[in-house]
Amino acid sequence: MGSEGEAAAAAVDLLRSQVPFQTDGEFVLPPRGGVGLVLVDLCNGFCTVGAGNLAPVAPNKQIEKMVEEAARLSKLFCERNWPILAFLDTHYPDKPEPPYPPHCIIGTGEENIVPELEWLEQKSNVSIKRKNCIDGYISCIEKDGSNVFADWVGKYQIKTVLVLGICTDICVLDFASSTLAARNIGRVPPLQDVVIYSDGCATYDLPVEVAMNIKGALAHPQDLMHHMGLYMAKGRGAKVVDKVVLEPSE
């Protein structure tokens, strides 16, 4: 590891020592369900190398692990016909989303689910929701005041949502925060818990030395911001787990 890599690792270690949190350990999926899987923005524009302005510019281990775990858990849920809701960031070209550059524009392919998960589109237990803003919960609000996410929770009587996706500190965090706030005032019955799977989430990497040469850019070191996203979600009341397993049925 070079000096820059060592400095970055030291910074992450320092951050974790100053703003530590305990994970909730292992999340055991109950054999009789009651859990809904929420996939946040596993689309090409955020996950596929070279796919757009906000896509990784090179293979990224954190993102690859996220996609791998999303595929694993999606297969498990589909085998049991448990509910899955997949958000896909999708925008019209004439409706920008500042402060971000154009991304996931309709018709570019960036807005489509990653190849590893395309098969989900054919499954009857999977609902696809194209979202036009950072916060998936907000994007689900209809003109009549109803909420697609809340209706999904009610339809399947979901007590726990298991959340995976990108970015840990942006779309995942905002969705979790809004959902927990709505839960607290009884807007998403019978939801009780929001569980975020750490290895099933990822964020983007924009090192300080790169950001300094981009006008208006904010540095965004991946490991550090991933930790902060999980930390903030925990502070909002989410459970953060580092392992998801299936409980053997009796």
C-alpha atoms as a PDB file:
ATOM      1  CA  MET A   1       0.000   0.000   0.000  1.00  0.00           C
ATOM      2  CA  GLY A   2       1.371   3.392  -0.986  1.00  0.00           C
ATOM      3  CA  SER A   3       1.556   6.455   1.209  1.00  0.00           C
ATOM      4  CA  GLU A   4      -1.788   7.797  -0.100  1.00  0.00           C
ATOM      5  CA  GLY A   5      -3.503   4.480   0.611  1.00  0.00           C
ATOM      6  CA  GLU A   6      -1.990   4.321   4.073  1.00  0.00           C
ATOM      7  CA  ALA A   7      -3.124   7.879   4.808  1.00  0.00           C
ATOM      8  CA  ALA A   8      -6.664   7.081   3.648  1.00  0.00           C
ATOM      9  CA  ALA A   9      -6.800   3.940   5.795  1.00  0.00           C
ATOM     10  CA  ALA A  10      -5.504   5.903   8.797  1.00  0.00           C
ATOM     11  CA  ALA A  11      -8.184   8.551   8.257  1.00  0.00           C
ATOM     12  CA  VAL A  12     -10.929   5.917   8.207  1.00  0.00           C
ATOM     13  CA  ASP A  13      -9.539   4.304  11.349  1.00  0.00           C
ATOM     14  CA  LEU A  14      -9.477   7.702  13.067  1.00  0.00           C
ATOM     15  CA  LEU A  15     -13.046   8.423  12.047  1.00  0.00           C
ATOM     16  CA  ARG A  16     -14.238   5.059  13.322  1.00  0.00           C
ATOM     17  CA  SER A  17     -12.516   5.697  16.648  1.00  0.00           C
ATOM     18  CA  GLN A  18     -14.126   9.137  16.983  1.00  0.00           C
ATOM     19  CA  VAL A  19     -17.642   8.247  15.760  1.00  0.00           C
ATOM     20  CA  PRO A  20     -17.943   4.542  16.471  1.00  0.00           C
ATOM     21  CA  PHE A  21     -21.125   2.517  16.489  1.00  0.00           C
ATOM     22  CA  GLN A  22     -21.983  -1.054  17.258  1.00  0.00           C
ATOM     23  CA  THR A  23     -23.711  -3.000  14.533  1.00  0.00           C
ATOM     24  CA  ASP A  24     -26.734  -5.104  15.352  1.00  0.00           C
ATOM     25  CA  GLY A  25     -24.766  -8.165  14.320  1.00  0.00           C
ATOM     26  CA  GLU A  26     -26.535 -10.865  12.374  1.00  0.00           C
ATOM     27  CA  PHE A  27     -29.999 -10.496  10.906  1.00  0.00           C
ATOM     28  CA  VAL A  28     -31.869 -13.787  10.761  1.00  0.00           C
ATOM     29  CA  LEU A  29     -34.623 -13.941   8.182  1.00  0.00           C
ATOM     30  CA  PRO A  30     -37.685 -15.597   9.743  1.00  0.00           C
ATOM     31  CA  PRO A  31     -38.873 -18.712   7.871  1.00  0.00           C
ATOM     32  CA  ARG A  32     -42.447 -17.426   7.677  1.00  0.00           C
ATOM     33  CA  GLY A  33     -41.624 -14.098   6.146  1.00  0.00           C
ATOM     34  CA  GLY A  34     -42.867 -10.719   7.295  1.00  0.00           C
ATOM     35  CA  VAL A  35     -39.772  -9.115   5.767  1.00  0.00           C
ATOM     36  CA  GLY A  36     -39.633  -7.059   2.574  1.00  0.00           C
ATOM     37  CA  LEU A  37     -36.426  -6.537   0.606  1.00  0.00           C
ATOM     38  CA  VAL A  38     -35.804  -3.001  -0.652  1.00  0.00           C
ATOM     39  CA  LEU A  39     -33.142  -2.501  -3.314  1.00  0.00           C
ATOM     40  CA  VAL A  40     -32.077   1.106  -3.760  1.00  0.00           C
ATOM     41  CA  ASP A  41     -30.773   2.195  -7.168  1.00  0.00           C
ATOM     42  CA  LEU A  42     -28.920  -0.887  -8.355  1.00  0.00           C
ATOM     43  CA  CYS A  43     -28.915   0.643 -11.800  1.00  0.00           C
ATOM     44  CA  ASN A  44     -26.205   0.977 -14.427  1.00  0.00           C
ATOM     45  CA  GLY A  45     -25.765   4.697 -13.875  1.00  0.00           C
ATOM     46  CA  PHE A  46     -24.461   4.094 -10.357  1.00  0.00           C
ATOM     47  CA  CYS A  47     -23.018   0.587 -10.536  1.00  0.00           C
ATOM     48  CA  THR A  48     -21.738  -0.303 -14.008  1.00  0.00           C
ATOM     49  CA  VAL A  49     -18.223   0.832 -14.880  1.00  0.00           C
ATOM     50  CA  GLY A  50     -18.241   3.688 -17.379  1.00  0.00           C
ATOM     51  CA  ALA A  51     -22.022   3.824 -17.661  1.00  0.00           C
ATOM     52  CA  GLY A  52     -22.420   7.543 -16.939  1.00  0.00           C
ATOM     53  CA  ASN A  53     -21.427  10.650 -15.008  1.00  0.00           C
ATOM     54  CA  LEU A  54     -22.031   9.023 -11.619  1.00  0.00           C
ATOM     55  CA  ALA A  55     -20.933   5.496 -12.492  1.00  0.00           C
ATOM     56  CA  PRO A  56     -17.635   4.048 -11.253  1.00  0.00           C
ATOM     57  CA  VAL A  57     -14.713   4.750 -13.585  1.00  0.00           C
ATOM     58  CA  ALA A  58     -13.016   1.464 -12.716  1.00  0.00           C
ATOM     59  CA  PRO A  59     -14.010  -1.829 -11.066  1.00  0.00           C
ATOM     60  CA  ASN A  60     -14.878  -1.177  -7.440  1.00  0.00           C
ATOM     61  CA  LYS A  61     -14.812  -3.907  -4.797  1.00  0.00           C
ATOM     62  CA  GLN A  62     -17.401  -2.277  -2.519  1.00  0.00           C
ATOM     63  CA  ILE A  63     -19.906  -1.891  -5.356  1.00  0.00           C
ATOM     64  CA  GLU A  64     -19.195  -5.397  -6.659  1.00  0.00           C
ATOM     65  CA  LYS A  65     -19.842  -6.851  -3.192  1.00  0.00           C
ATOM     66  CA  MET A  66     -23.106  -4.901  -2.956  1.00  0.00           C
ATOM     67  CA  VAL A  67     -24.340  -6.279  -6.292  1.00  0.00           C
ATOM     68  CA  GLU A  68     -23.280  -9.796  -5.315  1.00  0.00           C
ATOM     69  CA  GLU A  69     -25.178  -9.644  -2.015  1.00  0.00           C
ATOM     70  CA  ALA A  70     -28.223  -8.075  -3.679  1.00  0.00           C
ATOM     71  CA  ALA A  71     -28.324 -10.967  -6.146  1.00  0.00           C
ATOM     72  CA  ARG A  72     -27.900 -13.550  -3.390  1.00  0.00           C
ATOM     73  CA  LEU A  73     -30.675 -12.194  -1.223  1.00  0.00           C
ATOM     74  CA  SER A  74     -32.974 -11.494  -4.179  1.00  0.00           C
ATOM     75  CA  LYS A  75     -32.736 -15.153  -5.205  1.00  0.00           C
ATOM     76  CA  LEU A  76     -33.512 -16.226  -1.663  1.00  0.00           C
ATOM     77  CA  PHE A  77     -36.568 -13.943  -1.510  1.00  0.00           C
ATOM     78  CA  CYS A  78     -37.805 -15.060  -4.924  1.00  0.00           C
ATOM     79  CA  GLU A  79     -37.444 -18.737  -4.039  1.00  0.00           C
ATOM     80  CA  ARG A  80     -39.804 -18.096  -1.118  1.00  0.00           C
ATOM     81  CA  ASN A  81     -42.068 -15.657  -2.982  1.00  0.00           C
ATOM     82  CA  TRP A  82     -41.317 -12.909  -0.477  1.00  0.00           C
ATOM     83  CA  PRO A  83     -41.853  -9.269  -1.534  1.00  0.00           C
ATOM     84  CA  ILE A  84     -39.116  -7.202  -3.159  1.00  0.00           C
ATOM     85  CA  LEU A  85     -39.310  -3.501  -4.031  1.00  0.00           C
ATOM     86  CA  ALA A  86     -36.596  -2.234  -6.366  1.00  0.00           C
ATOM     87  CA  PHE A  87     -36.072   1.510  -6.731  1.00  0.00           C
ATOM     88  CA  LEU A  88     -34.417   2.651  -9.964  1.00  0.00           C
ATOM     89  CA  ASP A  89     -33.234   6.241 -10.225  1.00  0.00           C
ATOM     90  CA  THR A  90     -34.811   7.632 -13.411  1.00  0.00           C
ATOM     91  CA  HIS A  91     -34.831  11.221 -14.705  1.00  0.00           C
ATOM     92  CA  TYR A  92     -36.114  13.264 -17.623  1.00  0.00           C
ATOM     93  CA  PRO A  93     -33.451  15.309 -19.457  1.00  0.00           C
ATOM     94  CA  ASP A  94     -35.243  18.612 -18.797  1.00  0.00           C
ATOM     95  CA  LYS A  95     -35.516  18.057 -15.042  1.00  0.00           C
ATOM     96  CA  PRO A  96     -32.059  18.304 -13.460  1.00  0.00           C
ATOM     97  CA  GLU A  97     -31.299  17.137  -9.932  1.00  0.00           C
ATOM     98  CA  PRO A  98     -28.793  19.603  -8.483  1.00  0.00           C
ATOM     99  CA  PRO A  99     -26.127  19.422  -7.230  1.00  0.00           C
ATOM    100  CA  TYR A 100     -25.541  16.324  -9.353  1.00  0.00           C
ATOM    101  CA  PRO A 101     -24.691  16.291 -13.072  1.00  0.00           C
ATOM    102  CA  PRO A 102     -27.152  14.615 -15.487  1.00  0.00           C
ATOM    103  CA  HIS A 103     -27.551  10.940 -14.632  1.00  0.00           C
ATOM    104  CA  CYS A 104     -29.898   8.001 -15.169  1.00  0.00           C
ATOM    105  CA  ILE A 105     -31.681   9.828 -17.976  1.00  0.00           C
ATOM    106  CA  ILE A 106     -34.574   7.927 -19.558  1.00  0.00           C
ATOM    107  CA  GLY A 107     -33.460   6.149 -22.704  1.00  0.00           C
ATOM    108  CA  THR A 108     -29.739   6.133 -21.961  1.00  0.00           C
ATOM    109  CA  GLY A 109     -29.678   2.711 -20.315  1.00  0.00           C
ATOM    110  CA  GLU A 110     -28.214   4.214 -17.155  1.00  0.00           C
ATOM    111  CA  GLU A 111     -31.662   4.031 -15.567  1.00  0.00           C
ATOM    112  CA  ASN A 112     -31.940   0.263 -16.045  1.00  0.00           C
ATOM    113  CA  ILE A 113     -31.235  -2.368 -13.426  1.00  0.00           C
ATOM    114  CA  VAL A 114     -27.748  -3.926 -13.510  1.00  0.00           C
ATOM    115  CA  PRO A 115     -27.349  -7.023 -15.712  1.00  0.00           C
ATOM    116  CA  GLU A 116     -26.860  -9.257 -12.674  1.00  0.00           C
ATOM    117  CA  LEU A 117     -30.408  -8.427 -11.542  1.00  0.00           C
ATOM    118  CA  GLU A 118     -32.294  -8.089 -14.838  1.00  0.00           C
ATOM    119  CA  TRP A 119     -34.083 -11.367 -14.142  1.00  0.00           C
ATOM    120  CA  LEU A 120     -35.971  -9.684 -11.295  1.00  0.00           C
ATOM    121  CA  GLU A 121     -38.130  -7.830 -13.816  1.00  0.00           C
ATOM    122  CA  GLN A 122     -39.872 -11.106 -14.662  1.00  0.00           C
ATOM    123  CA  LYS A 123     -40.739 -12.114 -11.092  1.00  0.00           C
ATOM    124  CA  SER A 124     -44.284 -11.693  -9.765  1.00  0.00           C
ATOM    125  CA  ASN A 125     -43.097 -10.946  -6.221  1.00  0.00           C
ATOM    126  CA  VAL A 126     -40.997  -7.991  -7.411  1.00  0.00           C
ATOM    127  CA  SER A 127     -42.267  -4.420  -7.679  1.00  0.00           C
ATOM    128  CA  ILE A 128     -40.195  -1.928  -9.688  1.00  0.00           C
ATOM    129  CA  LYS A 129     -40.472   1.735  -8.736  1.00  0.00           C
ATOM    130  CA  ARG A 130     -38.691   4.292 -10.871  1.00  0.00           C
ATOM    131  CA  LYS A 131     -37.836   7.209  -8.633  1.00  0.00           C
ATOM    132  CA  ASN A 132     -37.214  10.755  -9.778  1.00  0.00           C
ATOM    133  CA  CYS A 133     -35.587  12.121  -6.638  1.00  0.00           C
ATOM    134  CA  ILE A 134     -32.926  11.148  -4.121  1.00  0.00           C
ATOM    135  CA  ASP A 135     -35.366   9.993  -1.449  1.00  0.00           C
ATOM    136  CA  GLY A 136     -37.267   6.845  -2.427  1.00  0.00           C
ATOM    137  CA  TYR A 137     -39.958   7.417   0.178  1.00  0.00           C
ATOM    138  CA  ILE A 138     -40.645  10.915  -1.162  1.00  0.00           C
ATOM    139  CA  SER A 139     -40.674   9.614  -4.732  1.00  0.00           C
ATOM    140  CA  CYS A 140     -43.505   7.252  -3.765  1.00  0.00           C
ATOM    141  CA  ILE A 141     -45.914  10.063  -2.843  1.00  0.00           C
ATOM    142  CA  GLU A 142     -48.741  10.188  -5.386  1.00  0.00           C
ATOM    143  CA  LYS A 143     -50.805  13.229  -6.372  1.00  0.00           C
ATOM    144  CA  ASP A 144     -53.716  11.987  -4.262  1.00  0.00           C
ATOM    145  CA  GLY A 145     -51.482  11.826  -1.180  1.00  0.00           C
ATOM    146  CA  SER A 146     -51.142   8.054  -1.140  1.00  0.00           C
ATOM    147  CA  ASN A 147     -47.712   6.445  -0.981  1.00  0.00           C
ATOM    148  CA  VAL A 148     -46.619   3.522  -3.170  1.00  0.00           C
ATOM    149  CA  PHE A 149     -44.136   2.284  -0.571  1.00  0.00           C
ATOM    150  CA  ALA A 150     -46.642   2.464   2.281  1.00  0.00           C
ATOM    151  CA  ASP A 151     -49.201   0.623   0.146  1.00  0.00           C
ATOM    152  CA  TRP A 152     -46.613  -2.081  -0.595  1.00  0.00           C
ATOM    153  CA  VAL A 153     -45.865  -2.478   3.107  1.00  0.00           C
ATOM    154  CA  GLY A 154     -49.568  -2.748   3.887  1.00  0.00           C
ATOM    155  CA  LYS A 155     -50.332  -5.155   1.055  1.00  0.00           C
ATOM    156  CA  TYR A 156     -47.734  -7.676   2.201  1.00  0.00           C
ATOM    157  CA  GLN A 157     -48.046  -6.889   5.931  1.00  0.00           C
ATOM    158  CA  ILE A 158     -44.345  -6.181   6.176  1.00  0.00           C
ATOM    159  CA  LYS A 159     -42.980  -5.619   9.662  1.00  0.00           C
ATOM    160  CA  THR A 160     -39.320  -5.289   8.679  1.00  0.00           C
ATOM    161  CA  VAL A 161     -37.694  -3.880   5.564  1.00  0.00           C
ATOM    162  CA  LEU A 162     -34.202  -5.069   4.722  1.00  0.00           C
ATOM    163  CA  VAL A 163     -32.432  -2.345   2.746  1.00  0.00           C
ATOM    164  CA  LEU A 164     -29.538  -2.734   0.310  1.00  0.00           C
ATOM    165  CA  GLY A 165     -28.234  -0.324  -2.276  1.00  0.00           C
ATOM    166  CA  ILE A 166     -26.309   2.753  -3.284  1.00  0.00           C
ATOM    167  CA  CYS A 167     -25.322   5.283  -2.072  1.00  0.00           C
ATOM    168  CA  THR A 168     -25.048   4.396   1.611  1.00  0.00           C
ATOM    169  CA  ASP A 169     -24.842   8.031   2.690  1.00  0.00           C
ATOM    170  CA  ILE A 170     -27.256   9.515   0.151  1.00  0.00           C
ATOM    171  CA  CYS A 171     -30.208   7.579  -1.292  1.00  0.00           C
ATOM    172  CA  VAL A 172     -30.066   4.723   1.227  1.00  0.00           C
ATOM    173  CA  LEU A 173     -29.750   7.100   4.166  1.00  0.00           C
ATOM    174  CA  ASP A 174     -32.503   9.431   2.941  1.00  0.00           C
ATOM    175  CA  PHE A 175     -34.917   6.559   2.288  1.00  0.00           C
ATOM    176  CA  ALA A 176     -34.237   5.033   5.702  1.00  0.00           C
ATOM    177  CA  SER A 177     -34.589   8.377   7.488  1.00  0.00           C
ATOM    178  CA  SER A 178     -37.907   9.267   5.837  1.00  0.00           C
ATOM    179  CA  THR A 179     -39.291   5.773   6.325  1.00  0.00           C
ATOM    180  CA  LEU A 180     -38.399   5.796  10.018  1.00  0.00           C
ATOM    181  CA  ALA A 181     -39.931   9.247  10.470  1.00  0.00           C
ATOM    182  CA  ALA A 182     -43.105   8.024   8.750  1.00  0.00           C
ATOM    183  CA  ARG A 183     -43.144   4.920  10.914  1.00  0.00           C
ATOM    184  CA  ASN A 184     -42.906   7.029  14.042  1.00  0.00           C
ATOM    185  CA  ILE A 185     -46.151   8.822  13.184  1.00  0.00           C
ATOM    186  CA  GLY A 186     -47.995   5.714  12.010  1.00  0.00           C
ATOM    187  CA  ARG A 187     -47.838   6.319   8.243  1.00  0.00           C
ATOM    188  CA  VAL A 188     -46.516   2.874   7.219  1.00  0.00           C
ATOM    189  CA  PRO A 189     -48.361   0.215   9.230  1.00  0.00           C
ATOM    190  CA  PRO A 190     -47.478  -2.462  10.203  1.00  0.00           C
ATOM    191  CA  LEU A 191     -43.789  -1.569   9.677  1.00  0.00           C
ATOM    192  CA  GLN A 192     -41.635  -1.809  12.783  1.00  0.00           C
ATOM    193  CA  ASP A 193     -37.985  -1.969  11.728  1.00  0.00           C
ATOM    194  CA  VAL A 194     -35.679  -0.702   9.007  1.00  0.00           C
ATOM    195  CA  VAL A 195     -32.615  -2.929   8.721  1.00  0.00           C
ATOM    196  CA  ILE A 196     -29.628  -1.838   6.634  1.00  0.00           C
ATOM    197  CA  TYR A 197     -27.163  -4.502   5.543  1.00  0.00           C
ATOM    198  CA  SER A 198     -23.673  -2.970   5.519  1.00  0.00           C
ATOM    199  CA  ASP A 199     -22.090  -5.303   2.931  1.00  0.00           C
ATOM    200  CA  GLY A 200     -25.206  -4.908   0.797  1.00  0.00           C
ATOM    201  CA  CYS A 201     -24.608  -1.161   0.507  1.00  0.00           C
ATOM    202  CA  ALA A 202     -21.979   0.918  -1.230  1.00  0.00           C
ATOM    203  CA  THR A 203     -21.151   4.487  -2.097  1.00  0.00           C
ATOM    204  CA  TYR A 204     -18.971   6.225  -4.667  1.00  0.00           C
ATOM    205  CA  ASP A 205     -15.340   7.207  -4.388  1.00  0.00           C
ATOM    206  CA  LEU A 206     -14.075  10.720  -5.134  1.00  0.00           C
ATOM    207  CA  PRO A 207     -10.696  11.156  -3.448  1.00  0.00           C
ATOM    208  CA  VAL A 208      -9.590  14.539  -2.151  1.00  0.00           C
ATOM    209  CA  GLU A 209      -6.807  14.860  -4.705  1.00  0.00           C
ATOM    210  CA  VAL A 210      -9.270  14.311  -7.562  1.00  0.00           C
ATOM    211  CA  ALA A 211     -12.009  16.552  -6.165  1.00  0.00           C
ATOM    212  CA  MET A 212      -9.554  19.432  -5.823  1.00  0.00           C
ATOM    213  CA  ASN A 213      -9.285  19.563  -9.624  1.00  0.00           C
ATOM    214  CA  ILE A 214     -13.035  19.570 -10.276  1.00  0.00           C
ATOM    215  CA  LYS A 215     -14.774  22.904  -9.880  1.00  0.00           C
ATOM    216  CA  GLY A 216     -17.524  22.736  -7.258  1.00  0.00           C
ATOM    217  CA  ALA A 217     -16.830  19.099  -6.352  1.00  0.00           C
ATOM    218  CA  LEU A 218     -16.872  17.822  -2.793  1.00  0.00           C
ATOM    219  CA  ALA A 219     -14.370  15.172  -1.807  1.00  0.00           C
ATOM    220  CA  HIS A 220     -16.067  11.865  -1.096  1.00  0.00           C
ATOM    221  CA  PRO A 221     -13.680   9.148   0.131  1.00  0.00           C
ATOM    222  CA  GLN A 222     -15.603   5.899  -0.221  1.00  0.00           C
ATOM    223  CA  ASP A 223     -14.838   3.973   2.979  1.00  0.00           C
ATOM    224  CA  LEU A 224     -15.144   7.044   5.157  1.00  0.00           C
ATOM    225  CA  MET A 225     -18.502   8.108   3.717  1.00  0.00           C
ATOM    226  CA  HIS A 226     -19.835   4.540   3.784  1.00  0.00           C
ATOM    227  CA  HIS A 227     -19.107   4.490   7.519  1.00  0.00           C
ATOM    228  CA  MET A 228     -20.746   7.869   7.995  1.00  0.00           C
ATOM    229  CA  GLY A 229     -23.850   6.791   6.085  1.00  0.00           C
ATOM    230  CA  LEU A 230     -24.286   3.758   8.318  1.00  0.00           C
ATOM    231  CA  TYR A 231     -23.553   5.849  11.410  1.00  0.00           C
ATOM    232  CA  MET A 232     -26.182   8.444  10.468  1.00  0.00           C
ATOM    233  CA  ALA A 233     -28.752   5.749   9.659  1.00  0.00           C
ATOM    234  CA  LYS A 234     -28.122   4.166  13.035  1.00  0.00           C
ATOM    235  CA  GLY A 235     -28.671   7.563  14.621  1.00  0.00           C
ATOM    236  CA  ARG A 236     -32.043   7.827  12.875  1.00  0.00           C
ATOM    237  CA  GLY A 237     -33.169   4.543  14.396  1.00  0.00           C
ATOM    238  CA  ALA A 238     -32.245   2.010  11.730  1.00  0.00           C
ATOM    239  CA  LYS A 239     -30.674  -1.296  12.607  1.00  0.00           C
ATOM    240  CA  VAL A 240     -27.343  -1.872  10.880  1.00  0.00           C
ATOM    241  CA  VAL A 241     -26.294  -5.482  10.393  1.00  0.00           C
ATOM    242  CA  ASP A 242     -23.143  -7.060   9.004  1.00  0.00           C
ATOM    243  CA  LYS A 243     -24.598 -10.441   8.090  1.00  0.00           C
ATOM    244  CA  VAL A 244     -27.947 -11.726   6.746  1.00  0.00           C
ATOM    245  CA  VAL A 245     -28.822 -15.400   7.076  1.00  0.00           C
ATOM    246  CA  LEU A 246     -31.894 -17.574   6.719  1.00  0.00           C
ATOM    247  CA  GLU A 247     -33.260 -19.292   9.791  1.00  0.00           C
ATOM    248  CA  PRO A 248     -33.733 -23.026   9.158  1.00  0.00           C
ATOM    249  CA  SER A 249     -37.432 -23.870   8.904  1.00  0.00           C
ATOM    250  CA  GLU A 250     -38.758 -26.403  11.362  1.00  0.00           C
END
